[in-house]
Amino acid sequence: MSIHTSLKAPKNATESLRNVMKRHERVRHLMAHGLWTEGRSVLGLPKIKQTKMKARKAVKEKEAAAGEGTAAAAPPPAA
């Protein structure tokens, strides 16, 4: 008997975005932002939410405009 498709984990399950960081990741984040004091307990750390960043459309539009500008600046082919 096989496993139902809804019960299978996706192939990229390990790469999926988690809501909250693990304890060692929170300590690294606090150290990087200068909020960690030496000798502090690792228990009771604040939760740090991970946010997913989306690509901006303005960047793509600028690249497209730059590509068209170079094509327009080139001399037309001789007939």
PDB file of N, CA and C in Angstrom:
ATOM      1  N   MET A   1       0.831  -1.168   0.000  1.00  0.00           N
ATOM      2  CA  MET A   1       0.000   0.000   0.000  1.00  0.00           C
ATOM      3  C   MET A   1       0.890   1.251   0.000  1.00  0.00           C
ATOM      4  N   SER A   2       0.538   2.223  -0.807  1.00  0.00           N
ATOM      5  CA  SER A   2       1.383   3.412  -0.933  1.00  0.00           C
ATOM      6  C   SER A   2       0.879   4.556  -0.054  1.00  0.00           C
ATOM      7  N   ILE A   3       1.730   5.576   0.106  1.00  0.00           N
ATOM      8  CA  ILE A   3       1.386   6.749   0.904  1.00  0.00           C
ATOM      9  C   ILE A   3       0.587   7.720   0.045  1.00  0.00           C
ATOM     10  N   HIS A   4      -0.439   8.294   0.624  1.00  0.00           N
ATOM     11  CA  HIS A   4      -1.259   9.271  -0.090  1.00  0.00           C
ATOM     12  C   HIS A   4      -0.414  10.499  -0.407  1.00  0.00           C
ATOM     13  N   THR A   5      -0.633  11.129  -1.568  1.00  0.00           N
ATOM     14  CA  THR A   5       0.188  12.269  -2.004  1.00  0.00           C
ATOM     15  C   THR A   5       0.108  13.451  -1.048  1.00  0.00           C
ATOM     16  N   SER A   6      -0.993  13.640  -0.349  1.00  0.00           N
ATOM     17  CA  SER A   6      -1.109  14.770   0.566  1.00  0.00           C
ATOM     18  C   SER A   6      -0.254  14.578   1.818  1.00  0.00           C
ATOM     19  N   LEU A   7       0.161  13.342   2.098  1.00  0.00           N
ATOM     20  CA  LEU A   7       0.960  13.056   3.280  1.00  0.00           C
ATOM     21  C   LEU A   7       2.456  13.080   2.999  1.00  0.00           C
ATOM     22  N   LYS A   8       2.841  13.128   1.758  1.00  0.00           N
ATOM     23  CA  LYS A   8       4.255  13.157   1.409  1.00  0.00           C
ATOM     24  C   LYS A   8       4.811  14.565   1.606  1.00  0.00           C
ATOM     25  N   ALA A   9       6.062  14.625   2.062  1.00  0.00           N
ATOM     26  CA  ALA A   9       6.731  15.913   2.234  1.00  0.00           C
ATOM     27  C   ALA A   9       7.248  16.375   0.870  1.00  0.00           C
ATOM     28  N   PRO A  10       7.176  17.670   0.582  1.00  0.00           N
ATOM     29  CA  PRO A  10       7.715  18.150  -0.690  1.00  0.00           C
ATOM     30  C   PRO A  10       9.233  17.959  -0.739  1.00  0.00           C
ATOM     31  N   LYS A  11       9.771  17.922  -1.935  1.00  0.00           N
ATOM     32  CA  LYS A  11      11.203  17.675  -2.103  1.00  0.00           C
ATOM     33  C   LYS A  11      12.052  18.776  -1.474  1.00  0.00           C
ATOM     34  N   ASN A  12      11.569  19.998  -1.484  1.00  0.00           N
ATOM     35  CA  ASN A  12      12.341  21.105  -0.933  1.00  0.00           C
ATOM     36  C   ASN A  12      11.872  21.466   0.475  1.00  0.00           C
ATOM     37  N   ALA A  13      11.420  20.491   1.241  1.00  0.00           N
ATOM     38  CA  ALA A  13      10.900  20.750   2.587  1.00  0.00           C
ATOM     39  C   ALA A  13      11.991  21.279   3.507  1.00  0.00           C
ATOM     40  N   THR A  14      13.224  20.856   3.312  1.00  0.00           N
ATOM     41  CA  THR A  14      14.303  21.331   4.169  1.00  0.00           C
ATOM     42  C   THR A  14      14.679  22.767   3.831  1.00  0.00           C
ATOM     43  N   GLU A  15      14.364  23.239   2.639  1.00  0.00           N
ATOM     44  CA  GLU A  15      14.706  24.588   2.217  1.00  0.00           C
ATOM     45  C   GLU A  15      13.555  25.566   2.418  1.00  0.00           C
ATOM     46  N   SER A  16      12.413  25.069   2.892  1.00  0.00           N
ATOM     47  CA  SER A  16      11.253  25.939   3.027  1.00  0.00           C
ATOM     48  C   SER A  16      11.472  26.956   4.144  1.00  0.00           C
ATOM     49  N   LEU A  17      10.762  28.048   4.067  1.00  0.00           N
ATOM     50  CA  LEU A  17      10.894  29.122   5.034  1.00  0.00           C
ATOM     51  C   LEU A  17      10.170  28.755   6.320  1.00  0.00           C
ATOM     52  N   ARG A  18      10.904  28.820   7.423  1.00  0.00           N
ATOM     53  CA  ARG A  18      10.305  28.540   8.724  1.00  0.00           C
ATOM     54  C   ARG A  18       9.835  29.848   9.345  1.00  0.00           C
ATOM     55  N   ASN A  19       8.868  29.778  10.243  1.00  0.00           N
ATOM     56  CA  ASN A  19       8.336  30.983  10.876  1.00  0.00           C
ATOM     57  C   ASN A  19       9.291  31.564  11.906  1.00  0.00           C
ATOM     58  N   VAL A  20       9.927  30.723  12.690  1.00  0.00           N
ATOM     59  CA  VAL A  20      10.769  31.185  13.785  1.00  0.00           C
ATOM     60  C   VAL A  20      12.112  30.482  13.702  1.00  0.00           C
ATOM     61  N   MET A  21      13.183  31.190  14.067  1.00  0.00           N
ATOM     62  CA  MET A  21      14.522  30.618  14.032  1.00  0.00           C
ATOM     63  C   MET A  21      14.738  29.686  15.221  1.00  0.00           C
ATOM     64  N   LYS A  22      15.704  28.790  15.089  1.00  0.00           N
ATOM     65  CA  LYS A  22      16.087  27.926  16.191  1.00  0.00           C
ATOM     66  C   LYS A  22      16.960  28.720  17.160  1.00  0.00           C
ATOM     67  N   ARG A  23      17.220  28.141  18.323  1.00  0.00           N
ATOM     68  CA  ARG A  23      17.936  28.857  19.378  1.00  0.00           C
ATOM     69  C   ARG A  23      19.318  29.318  18.926  1.00  0.00           C
ATOM     70  N   HIS A  24      20.090  28.449  18.303  1.00  0.00           N
ATOM     71  CA  HIS A  24      21.441  28.839  17.884  1.00  0.00           C
ATOM     72  C   HIS A  24      21.390  29.902  16.785  1.00  0.00           C
ATOM     73  N   GLU A  25      20.366  29.863  15.952  1.00  0.00           N
ATOM     74  CA  GLU A  25      20.217  30.898  14.919  1.00  0.00           C
ATOM     75  C   GLU A  25      19.852  32.241  15.551  1.00  0.00           C
ATOM     76  N   ARG A  26      19.032  32.211  16.605  1.00  0.00           N
ATOM     77  CA  ARG A  26      18.673  33.452  17.294  1.00  0.00           C
ATOM     78  C   ARG A  26      19.881  34.061  17.972  1.00  0.00           C
ATOM     79  N   VAL A  27      20.739  33.220  18.567  1.00  0.00           N
ATOM     80  CA  VAL A  27      21.956  33.731  19.215  1.00  0.00           C
ATOM     81  C   VAL A  27      22.855  34.378  18.172  1.00  0.00           C
ATOM     82  N   ARG A  28      23.030  33.750  17.027  1.00  0.00           N
ATOM     83  CA  ARG A  28      23.853  34.333  15.959  1.00  0.00           C
ATOM     84  C   ARG A  28      23.274  35.659  15.481  1.00  0.00           C
ATOM     85  N   HIS A  29      21.950  35.739  15.352  1.00  0.00           N
ATOM     86  CA  HIS A  29      21.291  36.966  14.911  1.00  0.00           C
ATOM     87  C   HIS A  29      21.508  38.085  15.921  1.00  0.00           C
ATOM     88  N   LEU A  30      21.356  37.756  17.216  1.00  0.00           N
ATOM     89  CA  LEU A  30      21.563  38.754  18.259  1.00  0.00           C
ATOM     90  C   LEU A  30      23.019  39.215  18.296  1.00  0.00           C
ATOM     91  N   MET A  31      23.969  38.300  18.088  1.00  0.00           N
ATOM     92  CA  MET A  31      25.389  38.660  18.048  1.00  0.00           C
ATOM     93  C   MET A  31      25.680  39.587  16.868  1.00  0.00           C
ATOM     94  N   ALA A  32      25.092  39.279  15.718  1.00  0.00           N
ATOM     95  CA  ALA A  32      25.334  40.075  14.517  1.00  0.00           C
ATOM     96  C   ALA A  32      24.785  41.497  14.669  1.00  0.00           C
ATOM     97  N   HIS A  33      23.697  41.653  15.430  1.00  0.00           N
ATOM     98  CA  HIS A  33      23.088  42.964  15.610  1.00  0.00           C
ATOM     99  C   HIS A  33      23.555  43.663  16.882  1.00  0.00           C
ATOM    100  N   GLY A  34      24.520  43.062  17.598  1.00  0.00           N
ATOM    101  CA  GLY A  34      25.077  43.682  18.791  1.00  0.00           C
ATOM    102  C   GLY A  34      24.157  43.673  19.988  1.00  0.00           C
ATOM    103  N   LEU A  35      23.193  42.774  20.017  1.00  0.00           N
ATOM    104  CA  LEU A  35      22.235  42.705  21.123  1.00  0.00           C
ATOM    105  C   LEU A  35      22.566  41.596  22.117  1.00  0.00           C
ATOM    106  N   TRP A  36      23.629  40.850  21.860  1.00  0.00           N
ATOM    107  CA  TRP A  36      23.996  39.730  22.721  1.00  0.00           C
ATOM    108  C   TRP A  36      25.066  40.193  23.698  1.00  0.00           C
ATOM    109  N   THR A  37      24.839  39.934  24.998  1.00  0.00           N
ATOM    110  CA  THR A  37      25.851  40.230  26.011  1.00  0.00           C
ATOM    111  C   THR A  37      26.450  38.918  26.477  1.00  0.00           C
ATOM    112  N   GLU A  38      27.757  38.915  26.694  1.00  0.00           N
ATOM    113  CA  GLU A  38      28.459  37.703  27.090  1.00  0.00           C
ATOM    114  C   GLU A  38      27.969  37.256  28.464  1.00  0.00           C
ATOM    115  N   GLY A  39      27.730  35.974  28.619  1.00  0.00           N
ATOM    116  CA  GLY A  39      27.262  35.420  29.878  1.00  0.00           C
ATOM    117  C   GLY A  39      25.750  35.385  29.993  1.00  0.00           C
ATOM    118  N   ARG A  40      25.046  35.828  28.976  1.00  0.00           N
ATOM    119  CA  ARG A  40      23.580  35.817  28.987  1.00  0.00           C
ATOM    120  C   ARG A  40      23.070  34.385  28.836  1.00  0.00           C
ATOM    121  N   SER A  41      21.969  34.086  29.457  1.00  0.00           N
ATOM    122  CA  SER A  41      21.379  32.753  29.366  1.00  0.00           C
ATOM    123  C   SER A  41      20.743  32.568  27.989  1.00  0.00           C
ATOM    124  N   VAL A  42      20.854  31.359  27.457  1.00  0.00           N
ATOM    125  CA  VAL A  42      20.250  31.072  26.157  1.00  0.00           C
ATOM    126  C   VAL A  42      18.777  30.740  26.286  1.00  0.00           C
ATOM    127  N   LEU A  43      18.280  30.698  27.509  1.00  0.00           N
ATOM    128  CA  LEU A  43      16.870  30.445  27.736  1.00  0.00           C
ATOM    129  C   LEU A  43      16.121  31.770  27.776  1.00  0.00           C
ATOM    130  N   GLY A  44      14.927  31.801  27.233  1.00  0.00           N
ATOM    131  CA  GLY A  44      14.112  33.007  27.266  1.00  0.00           C
ATOM    132  C   GLY A  44      14.514  34.045  26.234  1.00  0.00           C
ATOM    133  N   LEU A  45      15.088  33.607  25.127  1.00  0.00           N
ATOM    134  CA  LEU A  45      15.469  34.546  24.067  1.00  0.00           C
ATOM    135  C   LEU A  45      14.232  35.040  23.329  1.00  0.00           C
ATOM    136  N   PRO A  46      14.276  36.258  22.787  1.00  0.00           N
ATOM    137  CA  PRO A  46      13.131  36.735  22.010  1.00  0.00           C
ATOM    138  C   PRO A  46      13.023  35.967  20.698  1.00  0.00           C
ATOM    139  N   LYS A  47      11.797  35.760  20.246  1.00  0.00           N
ATOM    140  CA  LYS A  47      11.588  35.087  18.970  1.00  0.00           C
ATOM    141  C   LYS A  47      11.878  36.066  17.849  1.00  0.00           C
ATOM    142  N   ILE A  48      12.508  35.576  16.798  1.00  0.00           N
ATOM    143  CA  ILE A  48      12.867  36.408  15.662  1.00  0.00           C
ATOM    144  C   ILE A  48      12.179  35.828  14.436  1.00  0.00           C
ATOM    145  N   LYS A  49      11.280  36.594  13.864  1.00  0.00           N
ATOM    146  CA  LYS A  49      10.528  36.121  12.708  1.00  0.00           C
ATOM    147  C   LYS A  49      11.349  36.317  11.437  1.00  0.00           C
ATOM    148  N   GLN A  50      11.303  35.338  10.573  1.00  0.00           N
ATOM    149  CA  GLN A  50      11.961  35.430   9.278  1.00  0.00           C
ATOM    150  C   GLN A  50      10.950  35.948   8.275  1.00  0.00           C
ATOM    151  N   THR A  51      11.356  36.912   7.488  1.00  0.00           N
ATOM    152  CA  THR A  51      10.464  37.444   6.468  1.00  0.00           C
ATOM    153  C   THR A  51      10.976  37.049   5.103  1.00  0.00           C
ATOM    154  N   LYS A  52      10.054  36.795   4.208  1.00  0.00           N
ATOM    155  CA  LYS A  52      10.404  36.403   2.851  1.00  0.00           C
ATOM    156  C   LYS A  52      10.430  37.655   1.994  1.00  0.00           C
ATOM    157  N   MET A  53      11.515  37.872   1.303  1.00  0.00           N
ATOM    158  CA  MET A  53      11.664  39.062   0.467  1.00  0.00           C
ATOM    159  C   MET A  53      11.242  38.732  -0.956  1.00  0.00           C
ATOM    160  N   LYS A  54      10.509  39.645  -1.556  1.00  0.00           N
ATOM    161  CA  LYS A  54      10.098  39.480  -2.946  1.00  0.00           C
ATOM    162  C   LYS A  54      10.934  40.394  -3.828  1.00  0.00           C
ATOM    163  N   ALA A  55      11.177  39.963  -5.049  1.00  0.00           N
ATOM    164  CA  ALA A  55      11.928  40.776  -5.999  1.00  0.00           C
ATOM    165  C   ALA A  55      11.070  41.954  -6.429  1.00  0.00           C
ATOM    166  N   ARG A  56      11.706  43.083  -6.574  1.00  0.00           N
ATOM    167  CA  ARG A  56      10.974  44.274  -6.988  1.00  0.00           C
ATOM    168  C   ARG A  56      10.833  44.312  -8.498  1.00  0.00           C
ATOM    169  N   LYS A  57       9.700  44.785  -8.960  1.00  0.00           N
ATOM    170  CA  LYS A  57       9.462  44.889 -10.388  1.00  0.00           C
ATOM    171  C   LYS A  57      10.234  46.053 -10.982  1.00  0.00           C
ATOM    172  N   ALA A  58      10.517  47.087 -10.197  1.00  0.00           N
ATOM    173  CA  ALA A  58      11.227  48.259 -10.695  1.00  0.00           C
ATOM    174  C   ALA A  58      12.622  47.883 -11.185  1.00  0.00           C
ATOM    175  N   VAL A  59      13.261  46.943 -10.521  1.00  0.00           N
ATOM    176  CA  VAL A  59      14.593  46.516 -10.930  1.00  0.00           C
ATOM    177  C   VAL A  59      14.518  45.841 -12.291  1.00  0.00           C
ATOM    178  N   LYS A  60      13.513  45.002 -12.487  1.00  0.00           N
ATOM    179  CA  LYS A  60      13.362  44.320 -13.773  1.00  0.00           C
ATOM    180  C   LYS A  60      13.060  45.326 -14.884  1.00  0.00           C
ATOM    181  N   GLU A  61      12.256  46.342 -14.580  1.00  0.00           N
ATOM    182  CA  GLU A  61      11.912  47.350 -15.583  1.00  0.00           C
ATOM    183  C   GLU A  61      13.142  48.171 -15.969  1.00  0.00           C
ATOM    184  N   LYS A  62      13.994  48.484 -15.001  1.00  0.00           N
ATOM    185  CA  LYS A  62      15.217  49.240 -15.292  1.00  0.00           C
ATOM    186  C   LYS A  62      16.145  48.426 -16.180  1.00  0.00           C
ATOM    187  N   GLU A  63      16.267  47.124 -15.891  1.00  0.00           N
ATOM    188  CA  GLU A  63      17.117  46.266 -16.712  1.00  0.00           C
ATOM    189  C   GLU A  63      16.580  46.173 -18.133  1.00  0.00           C
ATOM    190  N   ALA A  64      15.267  46.094 -18.277  1.00  0.00           N
ATOM    191  CA  ALA A  64      14.655  46.024 -19.602  1.00  0.00           C
ATOM    192  C   ALA A  64      14.867  47.335 -20.355  1.00  0.00           C
ATOM    193  N   ALA A  65      14.742  48.460 -19.656  1.00  0.00           N
ATOM    194  CA  ALA A  65      14.950  49.760 -20.285  1.00  0.00           C
ATOM    195  C   ALA A  65      16.415  49.934 -20.684  1.00  0.00           C
ATOM    196  N   ALA A  66      17.318  49.435 -19.867  1.00  0.00           N
ATOM    197  CA  ALA A  66      18.739  49.525 -20.197  1.00  0.00           C
ATOM    198  C   ALA A  66      19.047  48.672 -21.423  1.00  0.00           C
ATOM    199  N   GLY A  67      18.414  47.518 -21.526  1.00  0.00           N
ATOM    200  CA  GLY A  67      18.613  46.640 -22.687  1.00  0.00           C
ATOM    201  C   GLY A  67      18.082  47.278 -23.956  1.00  0.00           C
ATOM    202  N   GLU A  68      16.941  47.975 -23.865  1.00  0.00           N
ATOM    203  CA  GLU A  68      16.381  48.650 -25.031  1.00  0.00           C
ATOM    204  C   GLU A  68      17.218  49.863 -25.403  1.00  0.00           C
ATOM    205  N   GLY A  69      17.776  50.531 -24.412  1.00  0.00           N
ATOM    206  CA  GLY A  69      18.591  51.716 -24.668  1.00  0.00           C
ATOM    207  C   GLY A  69      19.862  51.368 -25.418  1.00  0.00           C
ATOM    208  N   THR A  70      20.475  50.237 -25.117  1.00  0.00           N
ATOM    209  CA  THR A  70      21.690  49.838 -25.823  1.00  0.00           C
ATOM    210  C   THR A  70      21.363  49.414 -27.245  1.00  0.00           C
ATOM    211  N   ALA A  71      20.200  48.811 -27.426  1.00  0.00           N
ATOM    212  CA  ALA A  71      19.791  48.407 -28.771  1.00  0.00           C
ATOM    213  C   ALA A  71      19.464  49.636 -29.620  1.00  0.00           C
ATOM    214  N   ALA A  72      18.892  50.672 -29.022  1.00  0.00           N
ATOM    215  CA  ALA A  72      18.546  51.881 -29.741  1.00  0.00           C
ATOM    216  C   ALA A  72      19.791  52.706 -30.045  1.00  0.00           C
ATOM    217  N   ALA A  73      20.810  52.619 -29.215  1.00  0.00           N
ATOM    218  CA  ALA A  73      22.026  53.391 -29.419  1.00  0.00           C
ATOM    219  C   ALA A  73      22.903  52.794 -30.533  1.00  0.00           C
ATOM    220  N   ALA A  74      22.731  51.532 -30.833  1.00  0.00           N
ATOM    221  CA  ALA A  74      23.520  50.890 -31.876  1.00  0.00           C
ATOM    222  C   ALA A  74      23.081  51.421 -33.244  1.00  0.00           C
ATOM    223  N   PRO A  75      24.040  51.616 -34.164  1.00  0.00           N
ATOM    224  CA  PRO A  75      23.675  52.112 -35.489  1.00  0.00           C
ATOM    225  C   PRO A  75      22.862  51.081 -36.273  1.00  0.00           C
ATOM    226  N   PRO A  76      21.957  51.516 -37.107  1.00  0.00           N
ATOM    227  CA  PRO A  76      21.151  50.554 -37.883  1.00  0.00           C
ATOM    228  C   PRO A  76      22.046  49.826 -38.884  1.00  0.00           C
ATOM    229  N   PRO A  77      21.676  48.593 -39.238  1.00  0.00           N
ATOM    230  CA  PRO A  77      22.481  47.843 -40.193  1.00  0.00           C
ATOM    231  C   PRO A  77      22.448  48.494 -41.575  1.00  0.00           C
ATOM    232  N   ALA A  78      23.582  48.448 -42.268  1.00  0.00           N
ATOM    233  CA  ALA A  78      23.664  49.045 -43.612  1.00  0.00           C
ATOM    234  C   ALA A  78      22.906  48.187 -44.598  1.00  0.00           C
ATOM    235  N   ALA A  79      22.222  48.859 -45.533  1.00  0.00           N
ATOM    236  CA  ALA A  79      21.423  48.131 -46.517  1.00  0.00           C
ATOM    237  C   ALA A  79      22.198  47.828 -47.763  1.00  0.00           C
TER     238      ALA A  79
END
